[in-house]
Amino acid sequence: MQCSPLPPATLIILYNRSSVDSMTQKETFHGVPGILRPFKEYIEAKGLKKGDQIVYYGVPGTCTPFVELLGFAIRSLDPEQVFVPMVDESKAKKIHPVPDVGMQVGTAAATLKPKAIVIMGGLSMSNVPVKAEQVKAAIDRHPGAVIIGVCFMKMFEKAGWLNTISFDLLIDANIDPVEVVKK
């Protein structure tokens, strides 16, 4: 059985710390590189340097692979990267490189001092017990950090989170349709 080529995933990058309505569209990209390259370029443009901390908040299991992928994209910048499950900062874990594998969330606890905060869209899913106000409270504990949102299928918008959280950068990728071929 032959598979026809799939359409590329569409990605819309929005800038400015305000609601989506007042954000400006910069570009539309395609596929996984279209998520990773703009993320890295934005981190570089913000002047983050070796040792600066980037903290990702997300759902364990669901968001973790995407966090590790984003982390892999910026590995050459050598920031300290941390994953916070949900918004429980007491469970923060360092993300580290694993040779021949990529980036992995480890077991070492981390003290939070972020220069950038990445909020993953999985937190806004209706079956996840996290509210936008809880995420906003976590953000407010770290004044001065750049706020980045990464989601799929307009999750932040659909959940109404854009009324509460103001992103400096929002990466919103579209992965629909998903085609499955069986034999």
Protein backbone atom coordinates (compact mmCIF):
# COMPACT_ATOMS: atom_id res chain seq x y z
CA MET A 1 0.00 0.00 0.00
CA GLN A 2 1.36 3.41 -0.92
CA CYS A 3 0.82 6.51 1.11
CA SER A 4 0.17 9.85 -0.46
CA PRO A 5 2.25 12.72 0.89
CA LEU A 6 0.69 14.47 3.85
CA PRO A 7 0.11 18.20 3.84
CA PRO A 8 2.61 20.06 5.99
CA ALA A 9 1.63 21.22 9.43
CA THR A 10 0.97 24.93 9.45
CA LEU A 11 2.48 27.12 12.11
CA ILE A 12 1.60 30.68 12.90
CA ILE A 13 4.03 32.75 14.93
CA LEU A 14 2.65 35.77 16.73
CA TYR A 15 4.65 38.43 18.58
CA ASN A 16 3.90 41.14 21.16
CA ARG A 17 2.78 40.86 24.75
CA SER A 18 -0.93 41.38 24.39
CA SER A 19 -4.04 39.55 23.30
CA VAL A 20 -3.97 37.59 20.05
CA ASP A 21 -6.31 40.14 18.47
CA SER A 22 -3.66 42.82 18.81
CA MET A 23 -0.69 40.56 18.07
CA THR A 24 0.91 40.80 14.67
CA GLN A 25 1.46 37.77 12.50
CA LYS A 26 5.09 37.50 11.56
CA GLU A 27 5.18 34.42 9.35
CA THR A 28 3.62 31.09 8.63
CA PHE A 29 5.95 28.08 8.65
CA HIS A 30 5.55 24.37 7.96
CA GLY A 31 6.35 21.15 9.75
CA VAL A 32 8.44 20.48 12.82
CA PRO A 33 11.31 22.76 11.71
CA GLY A 34 8.69 25.50 11.49
CA ILE A 35 8.16 25.16 15.23
CA LEU A 36 11.77 24.71 16.29
CA ARG A 37 13.64 27.29 14.18
CA PRO A 38 11.46 30.28 15.14
CA PHE A 39 11.66 29.21 18.79
CA LYS A 40 15.45 29.15 18.66
CA GLU A 41 15.61 32.42 16.73
CA TYR A 42 13.40 34.12 19.31
CA ILE A 43 15.50 32.86 22.23
CA GLU A 44 18.64 34.07 20.45
CA ALA A 45 17.08 37.46 19.66
CA LYS A 46 16.22 37.92 23.34
CA GLY A 47 19.91 37.60 24.14
CA LEU A 48 19.68 34.54 26.35
CA LYS A 49 23.14 33.16 26.89
CA LYS A 50 24.91 30.15 28.30
CA GLY A 51 23.52 29.28 31.72
CA ASP A 52 20.39 31.44 31.47
CA GLN A 53 17.37 29.46 32.56
CA ILE A 54 14.37 28.50 30.44
CA VAL A 55 11.47 26.94 32.37
CA TYR A 56 8.78 24.91 30.60
CA TYR A 57 5.41 24.33 32.29
CA GLY A 58 3.43 21.43 30.87
CA VAL A 59 1.49 18.21 31.32
CA PRO A 60 3.72 15.21 32.12
CA GLY A 61 3.72 12.71 29.27
CA THR A 62 1.67 14.82 26.88
CA CYS A 63 3.84 17.95 26.78
CA THR A 64 7.15 16.38 27.78
CA PRO A 65 8.16 15.13 24.30
CA PHE A 66 7.51 18.57 22.83
CA VAL A 67 9.48 20.23 25.63
CA GLU A 68 12.40 17.88 24.96
CA LEU A 69 12.18 18.67 21.24
CA LEU A 70 12.19 22.44 21.90
CA GLY A 71 15.11 21.92 24.29
CA PHE A 72 17.02 19.99 21.66
CA ALA A 73 16.55 22.84 19.19
CA ILE A 74 18.35 25.28 21.49
CA ARG A 75 20.99 22.94 22.89
CA SER A 76 23.82 24.84 21.17
CA LEU A 77 22.90 27.96 23.17
CA ASP A 78 23.59 25.94 26.35
CA PRO A 79 20.89 27.37 28.58
CA GLU A 80 19.83 25.68 31.78
CA GLN A 81 16.47 24.08 30.94
CA VAL A 82 13.86 22.99 33.46
CA PHE A 83 10.52 21.17 33.23
CA VAL A 84 7.75 21.93 35.73
CA PRO A 85 4.93 19.37 35.75
CA MET A 86 1.62 21.26 35.62
CA VAL A 87 2.41 24.32 37.79
CA ASP A 88 3.98 22.47 40.74
CA GLU A 89 7.35 24.21 40.97
CA SER A 90 8.38 21.97 43.89
CA LYS A 91 8.65 19.14 41.32
CA ALA A 92 10.83 21.07 38.84
CA LYS A 93 13.40 18.86 37.09
CA LYS A 94 16.41 19.76 34.98
CA ILE A 95 16.44 18.85 31.31
CA HIS A 96 19.77 17.50 30.12
CA PRO A 97 21.35 16.15 26.94
CA VAL A 98 21.66 12.39 26.55
CA PRO A 99 24.20 11.30 23.91
CA ASP A 100 22.62 9.56 20.90
CA VAL A 101 19.12 10.24 22.28
CA GLY A 102 18.44 13.98 22.58
CA MET A 103 17.21 15.97 25.55
CA GLN A 104 15.57 14.25 28.52
CA VAL A 105 13.91 15.41 31.70
CA GLY A 106 16.08 14.13 34.53
CA THR A 107 15.65 13.52 38.21
CA ALA A 108 17.73 16.41 39.53
CA ALA A 109 15.67 19.09 41.23
CA ALA A 110 16.02 22.63 39.99
CA THR A 111 15.82 26.05 41.60
CA LEU A 112 13.81 28.39 39.41
CA LYS A 113 15.25 31.66 38.14
CA PRO A 114 13.88 31.87 34.59
CA LYS A 115 14.85 34.37 31.93
CA ALA A 116 12.19 32.72 29.74
CA ILE A 117 9.02 30.83 30.62
CA VAL A 118 7.42 28.47 28.10
CA ILE A 119 3.78 27.57 28.70
CA MET A 120 2.71 24.43 26.86
CA GLY A 121 -0.79 24.25 25.43
CA GLY A 122 -1.56 20.89 27.01
CA LEU A 123 -2.13 22.73 30.27
CA SER A 124 -5.19 24.40 28.74
CA MET A 125 -6.91 21.17 27.73
CA SER A 126 -10.30 20.70 29.39
CA ASN A 127 -9.32 17.40 31.06
CA VAL A 128 -6.28 18.94 32.79
CA PRO A 129 -6.89 20.33 36.29
CA VAL A 130 -4.98 23.58 35.72
CA LYS A 131 -6.61 26.98 35.32
CA ALA A 132 -5.22 29.96 33.45
CA GLU A 133 -5.13 31.89 36.72
CA GLN A 134 -2.78 29.28 38.24
CA VAL A 135 -0.43 29.63 35.29
CA LYS A 136 -0.64 33.43 35.52
CA ALA A 137 0.28 33.19 39.21
CA ALA A 138 3.33 31.07 38.31
CA ILE A 139 4.35 33.62 35.68
CA ASP A 140 3.90 36.48 38.17
CA ARG A 141 6.35 34.79 40.58
CA HIS A 142 9.09 35.40 37.99
CA PRO A 143 8.93 39.06 36.94
CA GLY A 144 11.04 40.03 33.96
CA ALA A 145 10.93 36.63 32.27
CA VAL A 146 9.95 36.46 28.62
CA ILE A 147 6.65 34.56 28.25
CA ILE A 148 6.33 32.08 25.37
CA GLY A 149 3.31 29.95 24.55
CA VAL A 150 3.52 26.79 22.45
CA CYS A 151 0.31 25.03 21.50
CA PHE A 152 -1.47 23.13 18.77
CA MET A 153 -4.84 23.76 17.19
CA LYS A 154 -5.47 27.11 18.91
CA MET A 155 -5.72 25.46 22.34
CA PHE A 156 -5.02 28.66 24.29
CA GLU A 157 -7.59 30.57 22.27
CA LYS A 158 -10.26 27.85 22.52
CA ALA A 159 -9.76 27.58 26.29
CA GLY A 160 -10.02 31.34 26.75
CA TRP A 161 -6.54 31.60 28.21
CA LEU A 162 -5.53 34.53 26.01
CA ASN A 163 -7.77 36.73 28.17
CA THR A 164 -5.59 35.92 31.20
CA ILE A 165 -2.08 35.24 29.90
CA SER A 166 -0.16 37.69 27.78
CA PHE A 167 2.51 36.04 25.62
CA ASP A 168 5.58 37.73 24.16
CA LEU A 169 5.66 34.94 21.57
CA LEU A 170 2.92 32.48 20.71
CA ILE A 171 3.67 29.47 18.51
CA ASP A 172 0.43 27.83 17.42
CA ALA A 173 0.80 24.83 15.11
CA ASN A 174 -1.98 23.12 13.17
CA ILE A 175 -1.73 19.33 12.87
CA ASP A 176 -5.09 18.67 11.28
CA PRO A 177 -5.80 16.46 9.46
CA VAL A 178 -3.91 13.48 10.77
CA GLU A 179 -4.00 10.68 8.25
CA VAL A 180 -3.61 7.06 9.33
CA VAL A 181 -3.00 4.29 6.79
CA LYS A 182 -3.59 0.66 7.78
CA LYS A 183 -3.02 -2.58 5.95
